[in-house]
Amino acid sequence: VQLQASGGGLVQAGGSLRLSCAASVIIFRANVVSWYRQAPGKQRELLATITSGGNTMYADSVKGRFTISRDDAKNTVHLQMNSLKLEDTAIYFCNVAAFKSVWGQGTLVTVSS
């Protein structure tokens, strides 16, 4: 299994980005999928999770601003990020619970003032 996160970039504070996670095999709809991020000098942080049944959970730091969703037709999981803050700057990764050791390269999000 390979995971590829994309959609990162440079955005001003208050702006929005939509991240995408693609997999080399069809696995998202039957698994728990999460988005994480890691900022320089900090530990990896769990942000959002979507279950196979479509239930979602969010970290307090992103609740109300970020939305995780799954597109089964495209085998893709998205993270819509709104009202971005400077502290959201990090590398963002997707992960599948059944393949916990698979991370991919991540996508860099930089929020500027």
Protein backbone atom coordinates (compact mmCIF):
# COMPACT_ATOMS: atom_id res chain seq x y z
CA VAL A 1 0.00 0.00 0.00
CA GLN A 2 1.20 3.50 -0.84
CA LEU A 3 -0.36 6.75 0.29
CA GLN A 4 0.11 10.14 -1.33
CA ALA A 5 -1.03 13.38 0.23
CA SER A 6 -1.35 16.45 -1.98
CA GLY A 7 -2.89 19.90 -2.08
CA GLY A 8 -0.61 21.73 0.30
CA GLY A 9 0.87 25.11 -0.39
CA LEU A 10 1.29 28.66 0.83
CA VAL A 11 -1.83 30.42 2.05
CA GLN A 12 -2.52 33.55 4.06
CA ALA A 13 -4.01 33.31 7.50
CA GLY A 14 -7.77 33.04 7.26
CA GLY A 15 -7.57 31.27 3.94
CA SER A 16 -8.50 27.75 2.90
CA LEU A 17 -6.89 24.69 1.40
CA ARG A 18 -8.19 21.29 0.43
CA LEU A 19 -5.87 18.36 0.90
CA SER A 20 -6.28 15.03 -0.84
CA CYS A 21 -5.03 11.58 0.02
CA ALA A 22 -4.80 8.90 -2.65
CA ALA A 23 -3.96 5.26 -2.18
CA SER A 24 -2.41 2.73 -4.52
CA VAL A 25 -5.18 0.24 -3.74
CA ILE A 26 -8.86 0.59 -2.86
CA ILE A 27 -8.78 0.66 0.93
CA PHE A 28 -10.37 3.82 2.24
CA ARG A 29 -14.04 2.82 2.23
CA ALA A 30 -13.41 -0.25 4.39
CA ASN A 31 -11.00 1.33 6.85
CA VAL A 32 -10.49 4.06 9.39
CA VAL A 33 -8.57 6.90 7.75
CA SER A 34 -6.96 9.81 9.54
CA TRP A 35 -5.13 13.01 8.83
CA TYR A 36 -2.14 13.97 10.94
CA ARG A 37 0.31 16.83 10.87
CA GLN A 38 3.80 17.44 12.14
CA ALA A 39 5.20 20.88 12.70
CA PRO A 40 8.94 21.50 13.05
CA GLY A 41 10.17 20.38 16.44
CA LYS A 42 6.81 18.94 17.43
CA GLN A 43 5.30 15.49 17.62
CA ARG A 44 2.92 14.21 15.01
CA GLU A 45 -0.63 15.30 15.85
CA LEU A 46 -3.85 13.47 15.02
CA LEU A 47 -6.28 15.93 13.44
CA ALA A 48 -9.27 14.14 11.97
CA THR A 49 -10.59 10.62 11.46
CA ILE A 50 -13.29 9.10 9.29
CA THR A 51 -14.56 5.56 9.83
CA SER A 52 -15.81 3.11 7.23
CA GLY A 53 -19.32 4.08 8.28
CA GLY A 54 -18.64 7.73 7.67
CA ASN A 55 -18.41 8.86 11.27
CA THR A 56 -15.93 11.65 11.84
CA MET A 57 -13.88 12.85 14.79
CA TYR A 58 -11.71 15.93 15.18
CA ALA A 59 -9.02 17.24 17.43
CA ASP A 60 -10.04 20.27 19.44
CA SER A 61 -7.40 22.32 17.63
CA VAL A 62 -9.19 21.96 14.28
CA LYS A 63 -12.81 21.31 15.24
CA GLY A 64 -15.13 23.65 13.39
CA ARG A 65 -12.43 24.62 10.88
CA PHE A 66 -11.40 21.34 9.23
CA THR A 67 -13.63 18.75 7.59
CA ILE A 68 -12.61 15.23 6.63
CA SER A 69 -14.50 13.48 3.85
CA ARG A 70 -14.20 10.42 1.66
CA ASP A 71 -14.89 10.01 -2.06
CA ASP A 72 -15.34 6.30 -2.61
CA ALA A 73 -15.68 6.65 -6.39
CA LYS A 74 -12.22 8.20 -6.56
CA ASN A 75 -10.70 6.27 -3.64
CA THR A 76 -9.69 9.56 -2.09
CA VAL A 77 -9.94 11.14 1.33
CA HIS A 78 -9.98 14.92 1.63
CA LEU A 79 -9.28 17.40 4.37
CA GLN A 80 -10.96 20.75 3.84
CA MET A 81 -9.16 23.34 5.91
CA ASN A 82 -10.79 26.72 6.50
CA SER A 83 -9.88 29.71 8.65
CA LEU A 84 -6.24 28.67 8.60
CA LYS A 85 -3.97 29.99 11.33
CA LEU A 86 -0.23 30.46 11.51
CA GLU A 87 -0.03 27.48 13.86
CA ASP A 88 -1.51 25.23 11.18
CA THR A 89 1.81 25.35 9.36
CA ALA A 90 3.08 21.77 9.17
CA ILE A 91 3.53 18.74 6.97
CA TYR A 92 0.21 16.92 6.65
CA PHE A 93 -0.06 13.16 6.31
CA CYS A 94 -2.84 10.67 5.80
CA ASN A 95 -2.86 7.26 7.40
CA VAL A 96 -4.97 4.13 7.34
CA ALA A 97 -5.42 2.37 10.64
CA ALA A 98 -5.03 -1.09 9.11
CA PHE A 99 -1.69 -0.02 7.60
CA LYS A 100 -0.40 2.06 10.46
CA SER A 101 3.25 1.99 9.35
CA VAL A 102 2.46 3.46 5.92
CA TRP A 103 2.74 7.25 5.87
CA GLY A 104 3.85 8.57 2.51
CA GLN A 105 5.74 11.82 2.07
CA GLY A 106 3.05 14.21 3.25
CA THR A 107 2.19 17.63 1.88
CA LEU A 108 3.50 20.91 3.26
CA VAL A 109 1.07 23.59 4.36
CA THR A 110 2.50 27.01 5.11
CA VAL A 111 0.26 29.68 6.56
CA SER A 112 1.58 33.23 6.37
CA SER A 113 0.49 36.41 8.09
